[in-house]
Amino acid sequence: MDMAEMYLTDKLARKLGENDSRNEDVDMENESDSESESDDDLKSNKSSRGNLTGFKPNVDALEMLLGAYFAQIEGTLNKLSTLREYVDDTEDYINIMLDDKQNQLLQMGVLLGTANLFVSVAIVIMGIFGMNIKIALFRTTQTEFLEVVIGSIGGCLILYFVAILCGKKAGLLG
């Protein structure tokens, strides 16, 4: 009977037929006021049961139509599931790419921080030897000052490269 309820045209026709029969019943009630109330109840029960049991719908066509709809819905669901998996995979790939870029930026920060440390050391050494204090240690010629500057820069560069190699061996730098 649930399948029969899906035949909307037939359902509408049955309701219109029901309304017509009810109108006839109302006319008959007005004509015969002498009938008992129990007879009216029997008639209404009989007419409502007659409408439900008298109608034998052809549900084969409806079942085929519903089967086609269910197959189409299942296909759409499979497409949506595949699309969701694709979106999840793409999201994971983008997160991996972002993590890789973040790691590269952190490595660059380590390299720049190490370089900054050794440049600061060279600046301190050159600042000490560049002071205008009248001590025998600081009474040097221009060439001796240049030797200290070049030695400090060379020493800092060597220390920088040693620090980078140690970082790569330890696995901190890629």
Protein backbone atom coordinates (compact mmCIF):
# COMPACT_ATOMS: atom_id res chain seq x y z
CA MET A 1 0.00 0.00 0.00
CA ASP A 2 3.00 2.29 0.49
CA MET A 3 3.89 1.71 -3.14
CA ALA A 4 0.31 2.53 -4.10
CA GLU A 5 0.59 5.85 -2.26
CA MET A 6 3.36 6.85 -4.68
CA TYR A 7 0.96 6.81 -7.63
CA LEU A 8 -0.07 10.43 -7.13
CA THR A 9 -2.45 10.60 -10.10
CA ASP A 10 -4.31 7.48 -9.03
CA LYS A 11 -4.33 8.73 -5.45
CA LEU A 12 -5.91 12.01 -6.55
CA ALA A 13 -8.50 10.15 -8.61
CA ARG A 14 -9.36 7.95 -5.61
CA LYS A 15 -9.75 11.00 -3.37
CA LEU A 16 -12.03 12.66 -5.89
CA GLY A 17 -14.04 9.44 -6.12
CA GLU A 18 -14.15 9.31 -2.32
CA ASN A 19 -15.44 12.89 -2.16
CA ASP A 20 -18.15 12.04 -4.70
CA SER A 21 -19.21 8.97 -2.71
CA ARG A 22 -19.25 10.99 0.51
CA ASN A 23 -21.47 13.58 -1.14
CA GLU A 24 -23.84 10.76 -2.15
CA ASP A 25 -23.73 9.39 1.42
CA VAL A 26 -24.58 12.83 2.81
CA ASP A 27 -27.53 13.06 0.41
CA MET A 28 -28.69 9.59 1.45
CA GLU A 29 -28.42 10.53 5.15
CA ASN A 30 -30.58 13.57 4.62
CA GLU A 31 -33.24 11.39 2.94
CA SER A 32 -33.25 8.66 5.59
CA ASP A 33 -33.01 10.07 9.08
CA SER A 34 -34.51 6.92 10.52
CA GLU A 35 -31.41 4.73 10.07
CA SER A 36 -29.46 3.92 13.18
CA GLU A 37 -26.02 5.30 13.91
CA SER A 38 -24.45 1.84 13.96
CA ASP A 39 -25.44 1.32 10.32
CA ASP A 40 -23.65 4.57 9.39
CA ASP A 41 -20.49 3.40 11.11
CA LEU A 42 -20.61 0.13 9.20
CA LYS A 43 -21.03 1.96 5.90
CA SER A 44 -18.12 4.32 6.53
CA ASN A 45 -15.85 1.46 7.59
CA LYS A 46 -16.91 -0.57 4.58
CA SER A 47 -16.29 2.31 2.16
CA SER A 48 -12.87 3.12 3.63
CA ARG A 49 -11.84 -0.55 3.58
CA GLY A 50 -13.22 -0.90 0.09
CA ASN A 51 -11.04 1.95 -1.14
CA LEU A 52 -7.92 0.40 0.38
CA THR A 53 -8.48 -3.20 -0.51
CA GLY A 54 -10.32 -2.66 -3.78
CA PHE A 55 -7.37 -0.83 -5.32
CA LYS A 56 -4.70 -3.19 -6.65
CA PRO A 57 -1.91 -1.02 -8.07
CA ASN A 58 0.55 -2.18 -10.67
CA VAL A 59 3.74 -1.74 -8.65
CA ASP A 60 6.11 -3.33 -11.16
CA ALA A 61 6.61 -0.10 -13.10
CA LEU A 62 7.02 1.82 -9.86
CA GLU A 63 9.57 -0.68 -8.57
CA MET A 64 11.55 -0.37 -11.79
CA LEU A 65 11.44 3.41 -11.55
CA LEU A 66 12.55 3.36 -7.92
CA GLY A 67 15.31 0.88 -8.79
CA ALA A 68 16.58 3.25 -11.47
CA TYR A 69 16.48 6.15 -9.00
CA PHE A 70 18.34 4.13 -6.38
CA ALA A 71 21.01 3.16 -8.94
CA GLN A 72 21.41 6.80 -9.94
CA ILE A 73 21.62 7.91 -6.31
CA GLU A 74 24.19 5.20 -5.59
CA GLY A 75 26.28 6.35 -8.58
CA THR A 76 26.11 9.95 -7.38
CA LEU A 77 27.10 8.84 -3.87
CA ASN A 78 30.10 6.96 -5.26
CA LYS A 79 31.15 10.03 -7.25
CA LEU A 80 30.84 12.21 -4.15
CA SER A 81 32.85 9.72 -2.08
CA THR A 82 35.58 9.67 -4.72
CA LEU A 83 35.57 13.46 -4.85
CA ARG A 84 35.83 13.65 -1.05
CA GLU A 85 38.81 11.28 -1.08
CA TYR A 86 40.42 13.37 -3.81
CA VAL A 87 39.90 16.55 -1.78
CA ASP A 88 41.38 14.88 1.33
CA ASP A 89 44.40 13.68 -0.66
CA THR A 90 44.88 17.14 -2.15
CA GLU A 91 44.65 18.69 1.31
CA ASP A 92 47.26 16.27 2.64
CA TYR A 93 49.56 17.03 -0.31
CA ILE A 94 49.23 20.79 0.26
CA ASN A 95 49.98 20.34 3.97
CA ILE A 96 53.10 18.34 3.09
CA MET A 97 54.22 21.08 0.70
CA LEU A 98 53.62 23.75 3.35
CA ASP A 99 55.57 21.76 5.94
CA ASP A 100 58.47 21.41 3.48
CA LYS A 101 58.52 25.18 2.84
CA GLN A 102 58.34 25.85 6.57
CA ASN A 103 61.32 23.53 7.14
CA GLN A 104 63.27 25.34 4.42
CA LEU A 105 62.51 28.69 6.05
CA LEU A 106 63.61 27.38 9.46
CA GLN A 107 66.87 26.10 7.94
CA MET A 108 67.44 29.49 6.32
CA GLY A 109 66.83 31.10 9.72
CA VAL A 110 69.45 28.82 11.29
CA LEU A 111 71.95 29.65 8.55
CA LEU A 112 71.36 33.38 8.87
CA GLY A 113 71.51 33.23 12.68
CA THR A 114 74.83 31.38 12.54
CA ALA A 115 76.21 33.85 10.00
CA ASN A 116 75.04 36.74 12.18
CA LEU A 117 76.85 35.26 15.18
CA PHE A 118 80.18 35.01 13.40
CA VAL A 119 79.86 38.43 11.74
CA SER A 120 79.18 39.89 15.20
CA VAL A 121 82.33 38.19 16.53
CA ALA A 122 84.38 39.70 13.66
CA ILE A 123 82.87 43.14 14.32
CA VAL A 124 83.78 42.92 18.02
CA ILE A 125 87.38 41.95 17.20
CA MET A 126 87.73 44.78 14.67
CA GLY A 127 86.10 47.22 17.08
CA ILE A 128 88.59 46.37 19.80
CA PHE A 129 91.56 46.86 17.50
CA GLY A 130 90.08 49.99 15.96
CA MET A 131 89.84 51.93 19.24
CA ASN A 132 91.94 55.02 19.73
CA ILE A 133 93.37 54.06 23.12
CA LYS A 134 97.00 54.88 23.84
CA ILE A 135 98.20 51.41 24.93
CA ALA A 136 101.17 49.55 23.50
CA LEU A 137 98.89 46.74 22.38
CA PHE A 138 96.93 49.11 20.19
CA ARG A 139 99.95 50.94 18.68
CA THR A 140 99.98 49.14 15.42
CA THR A 141 100.45 50.18 11.86
CA GLN A 142 97.84 50.15 9.16
CA THR A 143 99.07 46.82 7.77
CA GLU A 144 98.85 45.09 11.12
CA PHE A 145 95.26 46.31 11.48
CA LEU A 146 94.38 44.96 8.01
CA GLU A 147 95.99 41.63 8.94
CA VAL A 148 93.76 41.42 12.01
CA VAL A 149 90.67 42.33 9.97
CA ILE A 150 91.42 39.79 7.24
CA GLY A 151 92.30 37.12 9.82
CA SER A 152 89.10 37.79 11.76
CA ILE A 153 86.96 37.57 8.63
CA GLY A 154 88.77 34.42 7.46
CA GLY A 155 88.47 32.81 10.91
CA CYS A 156 84.76 33.64 11.10
CA LEU A 157 84.16 32.20 7.62
CA ILE A 158 85.99 29.01 8.55
CA LEU A 159 84.01 28.73 11.79
CA TYR A 160 80.79 29.37 9.86
CA PHE A 161 81.46 26.57 7.38
CA VAL A 162 82.48 24.22 10.20
CA ALA A 163 79.21 25.02 12.00
CA ILE A 164 77.23 24.33 8.79
CA LEU A 165 79.01 21.00 8.24
CA CYS A 166 78.36 19.99 11.86
CA GLY A 167 74.69 20.92 11.43
CA LYS A 168 74.41 18.80 8.27
CA LYS A 169 76.11 15.82 9.91
CA ALA A 170 73.77 16.09 12.89
CA GLY A 171 70.79 16.21 10.53
CA LEU A 172 69.65 19.68 11.55
CA LEU A 173 70.20 21.12 8.08
CA GLY A 174 69.10 19.49 4.84
